Every structure is written in structure tokens, then in C-alpha cells.
Amino acid sequence: MPVSSVVGAEITTIEGLSAEGLTPVQQAWIEHQVPQCGYCQSGMIMAVSALLKANPHPSDDDLAGAITNICRCGTYPRIRAAVRDLAKA
């Protein structure tokens, strides 16, 4: 997305998700051992955080549609497990 298309919009980076430590999504990532190489993690965490804010109980199809980041390690099953646990909470 070009920067010019978000002029005047509020933008949150992964560093801005929480000033008070780990967010529930970040904690779930750790508990489910999602991170491997770390290449996609910032984008995945941001996408899941936005999805859960809009839809606290997403289906696997919702999750697949919301996450367009590519995980080259293939931790998609762990990501789905982490999101399922977050949806239960």
C-alpha cells in the first residue's frame, strides 16, 4: 500500500500494539510456538490482531482470507491453533 493512500489515517505498527508488554496475540504465538524464522511474524501478528478486533470468533475461512502474508516455514496449523485459543478466551 503506498503511503500516499493513508495520508491522515491512524497507523499502528507492531511496536504500537501494546506499551504494557505482550498482547494476547503475541502471548498465544509464544504458547503455540508459532515463530520459527521470524520473517513473517510482524505481519502475521498485525493481521491476526486486526482480524480478532473485527471478528473475535473467526472461522478458518475468515482466517485464511484475512492473512495474506506468506509464512515460508509453514506454521499455518500453529497459527490457526493460536487463533482458536484466542477466540475461546
PDB file of N, CA and C in Angstrom:
ATOM      1  N   MET A   1       0.858  -1.165   0.000  1.00  0.00           N
ATOM      2  CA  MET A   1       0.000   0.000   0.000  1.00  0.00           C
ATOM      3  C   MET A   1       0.902   1.224   0.000  1.00  0.00           C
ATOM      4  N   PRO A   2       0.692   2.120  -0.930  1.00  0.00           N
ATOM      5  CA  PRO A   2       1.513   3.327  -0.939  1.00  0.00           C
ATOM      6  C   PRO A   2       1.178   4.242   0.237  1.00  0.00           C
ATOM      7  N   VAL A   3       2.182   4.878   0.770  1.00  0.00           N
ATOM      8  CA  VAL A   3       1.997   5.787   1.901  1.00  0.00           C
ATOM      9  C   VAL A   3       0.994   6.883   1.557  1.00  0.00           C
ATOM     10  N   SER A   4       0.995   7.321   0.319  1.00  0.00           N
ATOM     11  CA  SER A   4       0.083   8.398  -0.078  1.00  0.00           C
ATOM     12  C   SER A   4      -1.385   8.018   0.090  1.00  0.00           C
ATOM     13  N   SER A   5      -1.688   6.723   0.093  1.00  0.00           N
ATOM     14  CA  SER A   5      -3.082   6.302   0.231  1.00  0.00           C
ATOM     15  C   SER A   5      -3.573   6.315   1.679  1.00  0.00           C
ATOM     16  N   VAL A   6      -2.677   6.524   2.623  1.00  0.00           N
ATOM     17  CA  VAL A   6      -3.078   6.537   4.032  1.00  0.00           C
ATOM     18  C   VAL A   6      -2.799   7.877   4.715  1.00  0.00           C
ATOM     19  N   VAL A   7      -2.620   8.903   3.927  1.00  0.00           N
ATOM     20  CA  VAL A   7      -2.397  10.235   4.485  1.00  0.00           C
ATOM     21  C   VAL A   7      -3.570  10.599   5.386  1.00  0.00           C
ATOM     22  N   GLY A   8      -3.259  11.000   6.589  1.00  0.00           N
ATOM     23  CA  GLY A   8      -4.280  11.402   7.543  1.00  0.00           C
ATOM     24  C   GLY A   8      -4.867  10.250   8.342  1.00  0.00           C
ATOM     25  N   ALA A   9      -4.542   9.027   7.999  1.00  0.00           N
ATOM     26  CA  ALA A   9      -5.069   7.867   8.715  1.00  0.00           C
ATOM     27  C   ALA A   9      -4.211   7.564   9.943  1.00  0.00           C
ATOM     28  N   GLU A  10      -4.816   6.924  10.916  1.00  0.00           N
ATOM     29  CA  GLU A  10      -4.059   6.465  12.079  1.00  0.00           C
ATOM     30  C   GLU A  10      -3.440   5.118  11.739  1.00  0.00           C
ATOM     31  N   ILE A  11      -2.149   4.988  11.975  1.00  0.00           N
ATOM     32  CA  ILE A  11      -1.430   3.767  11.640  1.00  0.00           C
ATOM     33  C   ILE A  11      -0.792   3.222  12.906  1.00  0.00           C
ATOM     34  N   THR A  12      -0.996   1.944  13.143  1.00  0.00           N
ATOM     35  CA  THR A  12      -0.381   1.270  14.288  1.00  0.00           C
ATOM     36  C   THR A  12       0.608   0.244  13.771  1.00  0.00           C
ATOM     37  N   THR A  13       1.817   0.314  14.267  1.00  0.00           N
ATOM     38  CA  THR A  13       2.830  -0.685  13.930  1.00  0.00           C
ATOM     39  C   THR A  13       2.832  -1.754  15.013  1.00  0.00           C
ATOM     40  N   ILE A  14       3.583  -2.807  14.798  1.00  0.00           N
ATOM     41  CA  ILE A  14       3.632  -3.871  15.809  1.00  0.00           C
ATOM     42  C   ILE A  14       4.167  -3.332  17.137  1.00  0.00           C
ATOM     43  N   GLU A  15       5.072  -2.360  17.069  1.00  0.00           N
ATOM     44  CA  GLU A  15       5.591  -1.770  18.304  1.00  0.00           C
ATOM     45  C   GLU A  15       4.511  -0.999  19.052  1.00  0.00           C
ATOM     46  N   GLY A  16       3.499  -0.543  18.352  1.00  0.00           N
ATOM     47  CA  GLY A  16       2.434   0.235  18.964  1.00  0.00           C
ATOM     48  C   GLY A  16       1.249  -0.573  19.448  1.00  0.00           C
ATOM     49  N   LEU A  17       1.310  -1.899  19.295  1.00  0.00           N
ATOM     50  CA  LEU A  17       0.179  -2.721  19.747  1.00  0.00           C
ATOM     51  C   LEU A  17      -0.030  -2.632  21.251  1.00  0.00           C
ATOM     52  N   SER A  18       1.054  -2.574  21.996  1.00  0.00           N
ATOM     53  CA  SER A  18       0.925  -2.520  23.445  1.00  0.00           C
ATOM     54  C   SER A  18       2.155  -1.882  24.066  1.00  0.00           C
ATOM     55  N   ALA A  19       1.915  -0.902  24.893  1.00  0.00           N
ATOM     56  CA  ALA A  19       3.010  -0.273  25.632  1.00  0.00           C
ATOM     57  C   ALA A  19       3.267  -1.015  26.941  1.00  0.00           C
ATOM     58  N   GLU A  20       2.429  -1.991  27.220  1.00  0.00           N
ATOM     59  CA  GLU A  20       2.497  -2.682  28.514  1.00  0.00           C
ATOM     60  C   GLU A  20       2.918  -4.137  28.388  1.00  0.00           C
ATOM     61  N   GLY A  21       3.768  -4.463  27.453  1.00  0.00           N
ATOM     62  CA  GLY A  21       4.237  -5.832  27.305  1.00  0.00           C
ATOM     63  C   GLY A  21       3.542  -6.538  26.165  1.00  0.00           C
ATOM     64  N   LEU A  22       3.520  -7.847  26.252  1.00  0.00           N
ATOM     65  CA  LEU A  22       2.964  -8.663  25.179  1.00  0.00           C
ATOM     66  C   LEU A  22       1.447  -8.523  25.083  1.00  0.00           C
ATOM     67  N   THR A  23       0.945  -8.549  23.867  1.00  0.00           N
ATOM     68  CA  THR A  23      -0.502  -8.591  23.648  1.00  0.00           C
ATOM     69  C   THR A  23      -0.949 -10.045  23.737  1.00  0.00           C
ATOM     70  N   PRO A  24      -2.247 -10.307  23.858  1.00  0.00           N
ATOM     71  CA  PRO A  24      -2.716 -11.695  23.861  1.00  0.00           C
ATOM     72  C   PRO A  24      -2.286 -12.463  22.605  1.00  0.00           C
ATOM     73  N   VAL A  25      -2.265 -11.802  21.456  1.00  0.00           N
ATOM     74  CA  VAL A  25      -1.840 -12.486  20.225  1.00  0.00           C
ATOM     75  C   VAL A  25      -0.369 -12.869  20.320  1.00  0.00           C
ATOM     76  N   GLN A  26       0.466 -11.953  20.773  1.00  0.00           N
ATOM     77  CA  GLN A  26       1.889 -12.258  20.913  1.00  0.00           C
ATOM     78  C   GLN A  26       2.109 -13.388  21.923  1.00  0.00           C
ATOM     79  N   GLN A  27       1.359 -13.385  23.013  1.00  0.00           N
ATOM     80  CA  GLN A  27       1.480 -14.443  24.010  1.00  0.00           C
ATOM     81  C   GLN A  27       1.044 -15.782  23.434  1.00  0.00           C
ATOM     82  N   ALA A  28      -0.042 -15.789  22.663  1.00  0.00           N
ATOM     83  CA  ALA A  28      -0.501 -17.023  22.023  1.00  0.00           C
ATOM     84  C   ALA A  28       0.536 -17.544  21.038  1.00  0.00           C
ATOM     85  N   TRP A  29       1.208 -16.632  20.349  1.00  0.00           N
ATOM     86  CA  TRP A  29       2.269 -17.033  19.410  1.00  0.00           C
ATOM     87  C   TRP A  29       3.352 -17.814  20.149  1.00  0.00           C
ATOM     88  N   ILE A  30       3.720 -17.333  21.330  1.00  0.00           N
ATOM     89  CA  ILE A  30       4.745 -17.992  22.128  1.00  0.00           C
ATOM     90  C   ILE A  30       4.238 -19.339  22.633  1.00  0.00           C
ATOM     91  N   GLU A  31       3.030 -19.359  23.178  1.00  0.00           N
ATOM     92  CA  GLU A  31       2.477 -20.591  23.742  1.00  0.00           C
ATOM     93  C   GLU A  31       2.317 -21.691  22.700  1.00  0.00           C
ATOM     94  N   HIS A  32       2.029 -21.327  21.467  1.00  0.00           N
ATOM     95  CA  HIS A  32       1.844 -22.306  20.395  1.00  0.00           C
ATOM     96  C   HIS A  32       3.090 -22.487  19.533  1.00  0.00           C
ATOM     97  N   GLN A  33       4.187 -21.883  19.957  1.00  0.00           N
ATOM     98  CA  GLN A  33       5.461 -21.984  19.261  1.00  0.00           C
ATOM     99  C   GLN A  33       5.317 -21.675  17.766  1.00  0.00           C
ATOM    100  N   VAL A  34       4.592 -20.598  17.475  1.00  0.00           N
ATOM    101  CA  VAL A  34       4.376 -20.195  16.087  1.00  0.00           C
ATOM    102  C   VAL A  34       5.668 -19.706  15.435  1.00  0.00           C
ATOM    103  N   PRO A  35       6.433 -18.815  16.081  1.00  0.00           N
ATOM    104  CA  PRO A  35       7.595 -18.264  15.386  1.00  0.00           C
ATOM    105  C   PRO A  35       8.655 -19.320  15.095  1.00  0.00           C
ATOM    106  N   GLN A  36       9.168 -19.264  13.907  1.00  0.00           N
ATOM    107  CA  GLN A  36      10.332 -20.073  13.565  1.00  0.00           C
ATOM    108  C   GLN A  36      11.408 -19.145  13.049  1.00  0.00           C
ATOM    109  N   CYS A  37      11.363 -18.777  11.797  1.00  0.00           N
ATOM    110  CA  CYS A  37      12.418 -17.897  11.275  1.00  0.00           C
ATOM    111  C   CYS A  37      12.162 -16.433  11.611  1.00  0.00           C
ATOM    112  N   GLY A  38      10.910 -16.063  11.827  1.00  0.00           N
ATOM    113  CA  GLY A  38      10.578 -14.686  12.165  1.00  0.00           C
ATOM    114  C   GLY A  38      10.280 -13.792  10.978  1.00  0.00           C
ATOM    115  N   TYR A  39      10.490 -14.283   9.779  1.00  0.00           N
ATOM    116  CA  TYR A  39      10.312 -13.493   8.564  1.00  0.00           C
ATOM    117  C   TYR A  39       8.928 -12.854   8.474  1.00  0.00           C
ATOM    118  N   CYS A  40       7.886 -13.604   8.772  1.00  0.00           N
ATOM    119  CA  CYS A  40       6.508 -13.126   8.573  1.00  0.00           C
ATOM    120  C   CYS A  40       5.832 -12.667   9.855  1.00  0.00           C
ATOM    121  N   GLN A  41       6.480 -12.828  10.979  1.00  0.00           N
ATOM    122  CA  GLN A  41       5.779 -12.698  12.257  1.00  0.00           C
ATOM    123  C   GLN A  41       5.135 -11.339  12.503  1.00  0.00           C
ATOM    124  N   SER A  42       5.806 -10.267  12.190  1.00  0.00           N
ATOM    125  CA  SER A  42       5.201  -8.952  12.421  1.00  0.00           C
ATOM    126  C   SER A  42       3.906  -8.807  11.639  1.00  0.00           C
ATOM    127  N   GLY A  43       3.949  -9.162  10.362  1.00  0.00           N
ATOM    128  CA  GLY A  43       2.752  -9.067   9.527  1.00  0.00           C
ATOM    129  C   GLY A  43       1.652 -10.006   9.967  1.00  0.00           C
ATOM    130  N   MET A  44       2.020 -11.220  10.351  1.00  0.00           N
ATOM    131  CA  MET A  44       1.016 -12.197  10.817  1.00  0.00           C
ATOM    132  C   MET A  44       0.346 -11.694  12.091  1.00  0.00           C
ATOM    133  N   ILE A  45       1.132 -11.215  13.025  1.00  0.00           N
ATOM    134  CA  ILE A  45       0.586 -10.728  14.292  1.00  0.00           C
ATOM    135  C   ILE A  45      -0.319  -9.524  14.056  1.00  0.00           C
ATOM    136  N   MET A  46       0.085  -8.634  13.177  1.00  0.00           N
ATOM    137  CA  MET A  46      -0.746  -7.465  12.862  1.00  0.00           C
ATOM    138  C   MET A  46      -2.052  -7.902  12.198  1.00  0.00           C
ATOM    139  N   ALA A  47      -1.976  -8.823  11.245  1.00  0.00           N
ATOM    140  CA  ALA A  47      -3.175  -9.288  10.543  1.00  0.00           C
ATOM    141  C   ALA A  47      -4.134  -9.990  11.498  1.00  0.00           C
ATOM    142  N   VAL A  48      -3.613 -10.847  12.361  1.00  0.00           N
ATOM    143  CA  VAL A  48      -4.472 -11.556  13.312  1.00  0.00           C
ATOM    144  C   VAL A  48      -5.050 -10.588  14.340  1.00  0.00           C
ATOM    145  N   SER A  49      -4.266  -9.629  14.786  1.00  0.00           N
ATOM    146  CA  SER A  49      -4.777  -8.638  15.741  1.00  0.00           C
ATOM    147  C   SER A  49      -5.939  -7.859  15.132  1.00  0.00           C
ATOM    148  N   ALA A  50      -5.801  -7.435  13.887  1.00  0.00           N
ATOM    149  CA  ALA A  50      -6.873  -6.701  13.208  1.00  0.00           C
ATOM    150  C   ALA A  50      -8.090  -7.589  12.992  1.00  0.00           C
ATOM    151  N   LEU A  51      -7.858  -8.836  12.594  1.00  0.00           N
ATOM    152  CA  LEU A  51      -8.973  -9.772  12.385  1.00  0.00           C
ATOM    153  C   LEU A  51      -9.759  -9.980  13.671  1.00  0.00           C
ATOM    154  N   LEU A  52      -9.053 -10.259  14.768  1.00  0.00           N
ATOM    155  CA  LEU A  52      -9.740 -10.522  16.037  1.00  0.00           C
ATOM    156  C   LEU A  52     -10.461  -9.291  16.569  1.00  0.00           C
ATOM    157  N   LYS A  53      -9.958  -8.121  16.248  1.00  0.00           N
ATOM    158  CA  LYS A  53     -10.645  -6.892  16.655  1.00  0.00           C
ATOM    159  C   LYS A  53     -11.982  -6.773  15.915  1.00  0.00           C
ATOM    160  N   ALA A  54     -11.991  -7.135  14.648  1.00  0.00           N
ATOM    161  CA  ALA A  54     -13.205  -7.044  13.832  1.00  0.00           C
ATOM    162  C   ALA A  54     -14.111  -8.260  13.989  1.00  0.00           C
ATOM    163  N   ASN A  55     -13.513  -9.411  14.261  1.00  0.00           N
ATOM    164  CA  ASN A  55     -14.261 -10.666  14.340  1.00  0.00           C
ATOM    165  C   ASN A  55     -13.625 -11.534  15.422  1.00  0.00           C
ATOM    166  N   PRO A  56     -14.113 -11.462  16.656  1.00  0.00           N
ATOM    167  CA  PRO A  56     -13.479 -12.176  17.766  1.00  0.00           C
ATOM    168  C   PRO A  56     -13.560 -13.701  17.684  1.00  0.00           C
ATOM    169  N   HIS A  57     -14.405 -14.218  16.798  1.00  0.00           N
ATOM    170  CA  HIS A  57     -14.555 -15.669  16.667  1.00  0.00           C
ATOM    171  C   HIS A  57     -14.482 -16.071  15.194  1.00  0.00           C
ATOM    172  N   PRO A  58     -13.312 -15.882  14.573  1.00  0.00           N
ATOM    173  CA  PRO A  58     -13.203 -16.162  13.141  1.00  0.00           C
ATOM    174  C   PRO A  58     -13.169 -17.662  12.834  1.00  0.00           C
ATOM    175  N   SER A  59     -13.700 -18.007  11.680  1.00  0.00           N
ATOM    176  CA  SER A  59     -13.591 -19.378  11.186  1.00  0.00           C
ATOM    177  C   SER A  59     -12.233 -19.536  10.505  1.00  0.00           C
ATOM    178  N   ASP A  60     -11.899 -20.770  10.138  1.00  0.00           N
ATOM    179  CA  ASP A  60     -10.661 -20.987   9.402  1.00  0.00           C
ATOM    180  C   ASP A  60     -10.699 -20.255   8.066  1.00  0.00           C
ATOM    181  N   ASP A  61     -11.879 -20.184   7.441  1.00  0.00           N
ATOM    182  CA  ASP A  61     -12.003 -19.445   6.180  1.00  0.00           C
ATOM    183  C   ASP A  61     -11.777 -17.953   6.394  1.00  0.00           C
ATOM    184  N   ASP A  62     -12.322 -17.412   7.504  1.00  0.00           N
ATOM    185  CA  ASP A  62     -12.087 -15.999   7.833  1.00  0.00           C
ATOM    186  C   ASP A  62     -10.590 -15.743   7.998  1.00  0.00           C
ATOM    187  N   LEU A  63      -9.943 -16.648   8.694  1.00  0.00           N
ATOM    188  CA  LEU A  63      -8.515 -16.517   8.956  1.00  0.00           C
ATOM    189  C   LEU A  63      -7.719 -16.577   7.651  1.00  0.00           C
ATOM    190  N   ALA A  64      -8.059 -17.510   6.799  1.00  0.00           N
ATOM    191  CA  ALA A  64      -7.358 -17.641   5.518  1.00  0.00           C
ATOM    192  C   ALA A  64      -7.549 -16.392   4.656  1.00  0.00           C
ATOM    193  N   GLY A  65      -8.720 -15.789   4.720  1.00  0.00           N
ATOM    194  CA  GLY A  65      -8.980 -14.591   3.938  1.00  0.00           C
ATOM    195  C   GLY A  65      -8.313 -13.351   4.498  1.00  0.00           C
ATOM    196  N   ALA A  66      -8.118 -13.325   5.804  1.00  0.00           N
ATOM    197  CA  ALA A  66      -7.569 -12.129   6.449  1.00  0.00           C
ATOM    198  C   ALA A  66      -6.047 -12.096   6.433  1.00  0.00           C
ATOM    199  N   ILE A  67      -5.438 -13.255   6.387  1.00  0.00           N
ATOM    200  CA  ILE A  67      -3.974 -13.302   6.418  1.00  0.00           C
ATOM    201  C   ILE A  67      -3.467 -13.524   4.999  1.00  0.00           C
ATOM    202  N   THR A  68      -2.870 -12.500   4.464  1.00  0.00           N
ATOM    203  CA  THR A  68      -2.328 -12.595   3.111  1.00  0.00           C
ATOM    204  C   THR A  68      -0.808 -12.685   3.136  1.00  0.00           C
ATOM    205  N   ASN A  69      -0.240 -12.669   4.330  1.00  0.00           N
ATOM    206  CA  ASN A  69       1.206 -12.823   4.480  1.00  0.00           C
ATOM    207  C   ASN A  69       1.574 -14.277   4.169  1.00  0.00           C
ATOM    208  N   ILE A  70       2.754 -14.466   3.650  1.00  0.00           N
ATOM    209  CA  ILE A  70       3.230 -15.815   3.359  1.00  0.00           C
ATOM    210  C   ILE A  70       4.229 -16.227   4.430  1.00  0.00           C
ATOM    211  N   CYS A  71       3.987 -17.386   5.020  1.00  0.00           N
ATOM    212  CA  CYS A  71       4.900 -17.950   6.015  1.00  0.00           C
ATOM    213  C   CYS A  71       5.721 -19.026   5.319  1.00  0.00           C
ATOM    214  N   ARG A  72       6.993 -18.755   5.137  1.00  0.00           N
ATOM    215  CA  ARG A  72       7.815 -19.722   4.426  1.00  0.00           C
ATOM    216  C   ARG A  72       8.158 -20.946   5.270  1.00  0.00           C
ATOM    217  N   CYS A  73       7.944 -20.870   6.578  1.00  0.00           N
ATOM    218  CA  CYS A  73       8.170 -22.039   7.435  1.00  0.00           C
ATOM    219  C   CYS A  73       6.937 -22.942   7.488  1.00  0.00           C
ATOM    220  N   GLY A  74       5.795 -22.422   7.090  1.00  0.00           N
ATOM    221  CA  GLY A  74       4.575 -23.229   7.062  1.00  0.00           C
ATOM    222  C   GLY A  74       3.957 -23.464   8.424  1.00  0.00           C
ATOM    223  N   THR A  75       3.962 -22.463   9.294  1.00  0.00           N
ATOM    224  CA  THR A  75       3.402 -22.646  10.633  1.00  0.00           C
ATOM    225  C   THR A  75       1.897 -22.351  10.683  1.00  0.00           C
ATOM    226  N   TYR A  76       1.236 -22.452   9.541  1.00  0.00           N
ATOM    227  CA  TYR A  76      -0.197 -22.152   9.498  1.00  0.00           C
ATOM    228  C   TYR A  76      -1.018 -22.972  10.495  1.00  0.00           C
ATOM    229  N   PRO A  77      -0.740 -24.268  10.694  1.00  0.00           N
ATOM    230  CA  PRO A  77      -1.519 -25.010  11.705  1.00  0.00           C
ATOM    231  C   PRO A  77      -1.354 -24.433  13.111  1.00  0.00           C
ATOM    232  N   ARG A  78      -0.151 -23.988  13.437  1.00  0.00           N
ATOM    233  CA  ARG A  78       0.081 -23.384  14.757  1.00  0.00           C
ATOM    234  C   ARG A  78      -0.626 -22.036  14.867  1.00  0.00           C
ATOM    235  N   ILE A  79      -0.635 -21.289  13.775  1.00  0.00           N
ATOM    236  CA  ILE A  79      -1.328 -20.003  13.769  1.00  0.00           C
ATOM    237  C   ILE A  79      -2.821 -20.228  14.003  1.00  0.00           C
ATOM    238  N   ARG A  80      -3.414 -21.196  13.292  1.00  0.00           N
ATOM    239  CA  ARG A  80      -4.840 -21.497  13.474  1.00  0.00           C
ATOM    240  C   ARG A  80      -5.120 -21.928  14.910  1.00  0.00           C
ATOM    241  N   ALA A  81      -4.243 -22.736  15.495  1.00  0.00           N
ATOM    242  CA  ALA A  81      -4.422 -23.189  16.884  1.00  0.00           C
ATOM    243  C   ALA A  81      -4.355 -22.003  17.841  1.00  0.00           C
ATOM    244  N   ALA A  82      -3.430 -21.092  17.611  1.00  0.00           N
ATOM    245  CA  ALA A  82      -3.308 -19.915  18.473  1.00  0.00           C
ATOM    246  C   ALA A  82      -4.562 -19.051  18.373  1.00  0.00           C
ATOM    247  N   VAL A  83      -5.057 -18.862  17.159  1.00  0.00           N
ATOM    248  CA  VAL A  83      -6.257 -18.037  16.972  1.00  0.00           C
ATOM    249  C   VAL A  83      -7.476 -18.710  17.588  1.00  0.00           C
ATOM    250  N   ARG A  84      -7.591 -20.010  17.454  1.00  0.00           N
ATOM    251  CA  ARG A  84      -8.717 -20.725  18.086  1.00  0.00           C
ATOM    252  C   ARG A  84      -8.719 -20.524  19.594  1.00  0.00           C
ATOM    253  N   ASP A  85      -7.535 -20.625  20.209  1.00  0.00           N
ATOM    254  CA  ASP A  85      -7.446 -20.405  21.658  1.00  0.00           C
ATOM    255  C   ASP A  85      -7.801 -18.968  22.027  1.00  0.00           C
ATOM    256  N   LEU A  86      -7.356 -18.024  21.235  1.00  0.00           N
ATOM    257  CA  LEU A  86      -7.712 -16.623  21.497  1.00  0.00           C
ATOM    258  C   LEU A  86      -9.219 -16.390  21.358  1.00  0.00           C
ATOM    259  N   ALA A  87      -9.851 -17.046  20.403  1.00  0.00           N
ATOM    260  CA  ALA A  87     -11.284 -16.897  20.203  1.00  0.00           C
ATOM    261  C   ALA A  87     -12.076 -17.481  21.369  1.00  0.00           C
ATOM    262  N   LYS A  88     -11.525 -18.497  22.027  1.00  0.00           N
ATOM    263  CA  LYS A  88     -12.191 -19.101  23.186  1.00  0.00           C
ATOM    264  C   LYS A  88     -12.157 -18.193  24.404  1.00  0.00           C
ATOM    265  N   ALA A  89     -11.093 -17.388  24.487  1.00  0.00           N
ATOM    266  CA  ALA A  89     -10.874 -16.553  25.681  1.00  0.00           C
ATOM    267  C   ALA A  89     -11.857 -15.410  25.773  1.00  0.00           C
TER     268      ALA A  89
END
